[in-house]
Amino acid sequence: MPRLISTGQIGPAGVLAVTFTNKAAREMQTRLAAMIPVNVRTMWIGTFHGLCNRFLRAHYRDAGLPQTFQILDSGDQQAAIKRLLKSPELSDEKFPPRAVQSFINGNKEACAPTACRPR
């Protein structure tokens, strides 16, 4: 890859490297920066989740998302559900947070952006 970039056969933005961890992605960027005189930030190097987030940020309109969309990890989801369950009309005994999260995720995966399939 460094040879392809240094000879101009591909540009830095034409690089896609997917790793399993953020640590591995940082190490790959560091090594490439030492090997070739280009801005490695323009390369698509990262974890699957990180690269998908970057892609969605760049193309949020095409994905039908608001510019300020958020991606919540499991812990963030749990915290949001627990905040909602503090409402006087709701109870975390009647609606256990994990069960609510499971219900939401199951229905979210059953629905496409334009149509929802009954479960």
C-alpha atoms as a PDB file:
ATOM      1  CA  MET A   1       0.000   0.000   0.000  1.00  0.00           C
ATOM      2  CA  PRO A   2       2.713   2.586   0.803  1.00  0.00           C
ATOM      3  CA  ARG A   3       4.259   1.919  -2.628  1.00  0.00           C
ATOM      4  CA  LEU A   4       0.901   2.398  -4.361  1.00  0.00           C
ATOM      5  CA  ILE A   5       0.459   5.750  -2.627  1.00  0.00           C
ATOM      6  CA  SER A   6       4.041   6.956  -3.141  1.00  0.00           C
ATOM      7  CA  THR A   7       3.878   6.114  -6.879  1.00  0.00           C
ATOM      8  CA  GLY A   8       0.520   7.874  -7.211  1.00  0.00           C
ATOM      9  CA  GLN A   9      -1.378   4.750  -8.252  1.00  0.00           C
ATOM     10  CA  ILE A  10      -3.895   5.477  -5.504  1.00  0.00           C
ATOM     11  CA  GLY A  11      -4.557   8.492  -3.317  1.00  0.00           C
ATOM     12  CA  PRO A  12      -4.668   8.371   0.485  1.00  0.00           C
ATOM     13  CA  ALA A  13      -8.477   8.617   0.402  1.00  0.00           C
ATOM     14  CA  GLY A  14      -8.506   5.392  -1.652  1.00  0.00           C
ATOM     15  CA  VAL A  15      -7.247   3.368   1.316  1.00  0.00           C
ATOM     16  CA  LEU A  16      -9.641   1.323   3.442  1.00  0.00           C
ATOM     17  CA  ALA A  17      -8.178  -0.651   6.336  1.00  0.00           C
ATOM     18  CA  VAL A  18     -10.491  -2.274   8.872  1.00  0.00           C
ATOM     19  CA  THR A  19      -9.188  -3.420  12.249  1.00  0.00           C
ATOM     20  CA  PHE A  20     -10.806  -5.015  15.264  1.00  0.00           C
ATOM     21  CA  THR A  21      -9.628  -2.508  17.866  1.00  0.00           C
ATOM     22  CA  ASN A  22      -9.047   1.233  18.141  1.00  0.00           C
ATOM     23  CA  LYS A  23      -5.543   0.496  19.399  1.00  0.00           C
ATOM     24  CA  ALA A  24      -4.722  -1.442  16.222  1.00  0.00           C
ATOM     25  CA  ALA A  25      -6.131   1.373  14.060  1.00  0.00           C
ATOM     26  CA  ARG A  26      -3.995   3.977  15.846  1.00  0.00           C
ATOM     27  CA  GLU A  27      -0.919   1.778  15.461  1.00  0.00           C
ATOM     28  CA  MET A  28      -1.612   1.324  11.756  1.00  0.00           C
ATOM     29  CA  GLN A  29      -1.983   5.089  11.285  1.00  0.00           C
ATOM     30  CA  THR A  30       1.247   5.741  13.194  1.00  0.00           C
ATOM     31  CA  ARG A  31       3.194   3.228  11.112  1.00  0.00           C
ATOM     32  CA  LEU A  32       1.832   4.574   7.835  1.00  0.00           C
ATOM     33  CA  ALA A  33       2.573   8.170   8.842  1.00  0.00           C
ATOM     34  CA  ALA A  34       6.200   7.165   9.441  1.00  0.00           C
ATOM     35  CA  MET A  35       6.405   5.379   6.069  1.00  0.00           C
ATOM     36  CA  ILE A  36       4.795   7.878   3.699  1.00  0.00           C
ATOM     37  CA  PRO A  37       4.634  11.682   3.641  1.00  0.00           C
ATOM     38  CA  VAL A  38       0.842  12.066   3.491  1.00  0.00           C
ATOM     39  CA  ASN A  39      -1.909  12.976   5.921  1.00  0.00           C
ATOM     40  CA  VAL A  40      -3.065   9.543   7.109  1.00  0.00           C
ATOM     41  CA  ARG A  41      -6.242  11.147   8.508  1.00  0.00           C
ATOM     42  CA  THR A  42      -7.608  11.206   4.954  1.00  0.00           C
ATOM     43  CA  MET A  43      -7.324   7.413   4.821  1.00  0.00           C
ATOM     44  CA  TRP A  44     -10.201   5.205   5.921  1.00  0.00           C
ATOM     45  CA  ILE A  45      -8.449   3.364   8.757  1.00  0.00           C
ATOM     46  CA  GLY A  46     -10.384   2.202  11.795  1.00  0.00           C
ATOM     47  CA  THR A  47     -12.718  -0.317  13.333  1.00  0.00           C
ATOM     48  CA  PHE A  48     -15.855  -1.460  11.524  1.00  0.00           C
ATOM     49  CA  HIS A  49     -17.998   0.598  13.901  1.00  0.00           C
ATOM     50  CA  GLY A  50     -15.783   3.668  13.692  1.00  0.00           C
ATOM     51  CA  LEU A  51     -15.640   3.597   9.899  1.00  0.00           C
ATOM     52  CA  CYS A  52     -19.402   3.126   9.622  1.00  0.00           C
ATOM     53  CA  ASN A  53     -19.924   6.086  11.955  1.00  0.00           C
ATOM     54  CA  ARG A  54     -17.550   8.211   9.845  1.00  0.00           C
ATOM     55  CA  PHE A  55     -19.336   7.148   6.654  1.00  0.00           C
ATOM     56  CA  LEU A  56     -22.754   7.970   8.110  1.00  0.00           C
ATOM     57  CA  ARG A  57     -21.499  11.360   9.331  1.00  0.00           C
ATOM     58  CA  ALA A  58     -20.322  12.142   5.800  1.00  0.00           C
ATOM     59  CA  HIS A  59     -23.508  10.846   4.144  1.00  0.00           C
ATOM     60  CA  TYR A  60     -26.224  11.403   6.766  1.00  0.00           C
ATOM     61  CA  ARG A  61     -28.623  12.916   4.212  1.00  0.00           C
ATOM     62  CA  ASP A  62     -28.352   9.900   1.907  1.00  0.00           C
ATOM     63  CA  ALA A  63     -29.057   7.671   4.905  1.00  0.00           C
ATOM     64  CA  GLY A  64     -32.130   9.739   5.822  1.00  0.00           C
ATOM     65  CA  LEU A  65     -30.626  10.787   9.163  1.00  0.00           C
ATOM     66  CA  PRO A  66     -30.571  14.176  10.866  1.00  0.00           C
ATOM     67  CA  GLN A  67     -27.117  15.773  10.925  1.00  0.00           C
ATOM     68  CA  THR A  68     -27.048  15.526  14.723  1.00  0.00           C
ATOM     69  CA  PHE A  69     -27.866  11.796  14.903  1.00  0.00           C
ATOM     70  CA  GLN A  70     -26.360   9.826  17.768  1.00  0.00           C
ATOM     71  CA  ILE A  71     -25.258   6.228  18.036  1.00  0.00           C
ATOM     72  CA  LEU A  72     -25.746   4.834  21.527  1.00  0.00           C
ATOM     73  CA  ASP A  73     -23.827   1.875  22.853  1.00  0.00           C
ATOM     74  CA  SER A  74     -25.506  -0.609  25.156  1.00  0.00           C
ATOM     75  CA  GLY A  75     -24.556   1.325  28.306  1.00  0.00           C
ATOM     76  CA  ASP A  76     -25.877   4.605  26.877  1.00  0.00           C
ATOM     77  CA  GLN A  77     -29.121   2.852  25.923  1.00  0.00           C
ATOM     78  CA  GLN A  78     -29.530   1.467  29.445  1.00  0.00           C
ATOM     79  CA  ALA A  79     -28.906   4.896  30.988  1.00  0.00           C
ATOM     80  CA  ALA A  80     -31.491   6.551  28.706  1.00  0.00           C
ATOM     81  CA  ILE A  81     -34.087   3.875  29.498  1.00  0.00           C
ATOM     82  CA  LYS A  82     -33.473   4.210  33.238  1.00  0.00           C
ATOM     83  CA  ARG A  83     -33.951   7.992  32.995  1.00  0.00           C
ATOM     84  CA  LEU A  84     -37.259   7.451  31.194  1.00  0.00           C
ATOM     85  CA  LEU A  85     -38.410   4.925  33.791  1.00  0.00           C
ATOM     86  CA  LYS A  86     -38.043   7.531  36.554  1.00  0.00           C
ATOM     87  CA  SER A  87     -41.264   9.068  35.252  1.00  0.00           C
ATOM     88  CA  PRO A  88     -44.120   8.855  37.784  1.00  0.00           C
ATOM     89  CA  GLU A  89     -46.267   6.836  35.342  1.00  0.00           C
ATOM     90  CA  LEU A  90     -43.587   4.180  34.803  1.00  0.00           C
ATOM     91  CA  SER A  91     -41.815   1.766  37.066  1.00  0.00           C
ATOM     92  CA  ASP A  92     -38.620  -0.186  36.551  1.00  0.00           C
ATOM     93  CA  GLU A  93     -40.268  -3.031  38.455  1.00  0.00           C
ATOM     94  CA  LYS A  94     -43.107  -3.223  35.960  1.00  0.00           C
ATOM     95  CA  PHE A  95     -40.780  -2.478  33.015  1.00  0.00           C
ATOM     96  CA  PRO A  96     -37.276  -3.861  33.729  1.00  0.00           C
ATOM     97  CA  PRO A  97     -34.703  -1.755  31.823  1.00  0.00           C
ATOM     98  CA  ARG A  98     -33.083  -4.775  30.137  1.00  0.00           C
ATOM     99  CA  ALA A  99     -36.473  -6.035  28.952  1.00  0.00           C
ATOM    100  CA  VAL A 100     -37.339  -2.589  27.576  1.00  0.00           C
ATOM    101  CA  GLN A 101     -33.978  -2.422  25.796  1.00  0.00           C
ATOM    102  CA  SER A 102     -34.484  -5.897  24.337  1.00  0.00           C
ATOM    103  CA  PHE A 103     -37.992  -4.948  23.145  1.00  0.00           C
ATOM    104  CA  ILE A 104     -36.711  -1.765  21.485  1.00  0.00           C
ATOM    105  CA  ASN A 105     -33.755  -3.477  19.808  1.00  0.00           C
ATOM    106  CA  GLY A 106     -35.897  -6.368  18.567  1.00  0.00           C
ATOM    107  CA  ASN A 107     -38.428  -4.024  17.015  1.00  0.00           C
ATOM    108  CA  LYS A 108     -35.757  -1.722  15.634  1.00  0.00           C
ATOM    109  CA  GLU A 109     -34.131  -4.634  13.801  1.00  0.00           C
ATOM    110  CA  ALA A 110     -37.492  -5.796  12.452  1.00  0.00           C
ATOM    111  CA  CYS A 111     -38.143  -2.372  10.879  1.00  0.00           C
ATOM    112  CA  ALA A 112     -36.589  -0.890   7.766  1.00  0.00           C
ATOM    113  CA  PRO A 113     -36.371   2.916   7.476  1.00  0.00           C
ATOM    114  CA  THR A 114     -39.325   3.031   5.064  1.00  0.00           C
ATOM    115  CA  ALA A 115     -41.465   0.110   6.202  1.00  0.00           C
ATOM    116  CA  CYS A 116     -41.946  -1.978   9.307  1.00  0.00           C
ATOM    117  CA  ARG A 117     -42.513  -5.705   9.156  1.00  0.00           C
ATOM    118  CA  PRO A 118     -44.773  -7.101  11.877  1.00  0.00           C
ATOM    119  CA  ARG A 119     -42.990  -9.417  14.313  1.00  0.00           C
END
